[in-house]
Amino acid sequence: MIPVHLQLSGFLSYQDPVDLDFTTFDLACISGSNGAGKSSLLDAMTWALFGQARRRDDALINSHAQAAEVILDFQYENNLYRIQRTKPREKTTLLEFFTCTEDHIWRPLTEKSVRDTEARISSILRMDYETFTNASFLLQGRADQFAQQRPGDRKRVLSAILGLEIWEQYRMDAVERRTTIEADMKSLDGQLEEIDAELAQETERKQRMQADKKRKEK
């Protein structure tokens, strides 16, 4: 996931609108005093992508604003996407998801609910918030987050980062196909047994008919 453009307003430290174009630089160092909003830029991206940040709900809204809004454009696998997430004070969160067509038109990908839209975003990115924060950047004060996780959780995160979950999907598909083939073979075996039984009955019937014919000829 490559960030392209970030717009935010009323979000944490940022009361006024801020526009950040990532295409104007290759490497950047964000510096400033405590509370200046350095981490808020990263929070804005994770909140837009996954609906998660260091704070939740109305705590994300700047004290002088009525709503927090983040618009993130990002590129993934040669496709350009846009996420617009808005949290009005004391109201539910709004989430819109778009992809940019070859004609430079934003085509909606938004699902019927916020949860379904978030699931679609995670499906496209093939990672969730936990994987993203372990793979892309370290949360402030939680540099040892990955090391402190249980072995099973570390394995799951690494699998997601390396894209190994696709092989698990292949395994599940193979198991399902094997189960279907075994069921078909069992059905065919049953049909063959029925045919063998019918042939055996036919042989016995012919033998009885021949025996009856011989008795009549005598």
Foldseek 3Di string as FASTA:
>chain_A
DAWAKKWKDQFQLHPHIDIDGPVVDDDDDDDDDPSNCPVVVVQLVQCQQAVDGPDHAPNGGHPPDQKIWMWIWGDDPNWIKIWIWMHGHPDDIDIWIFTADPVRDTHTPDDPDPVVRSVVSCVRVLHHSVLCCVPPHPDVPCNCVLVPDDPVVNVVSVCSVVVVVVVVVVVVVVVVVVVVVVVVVVVVVVVVVVVVVVVVVVVVVVVVVVVVVVVVVD
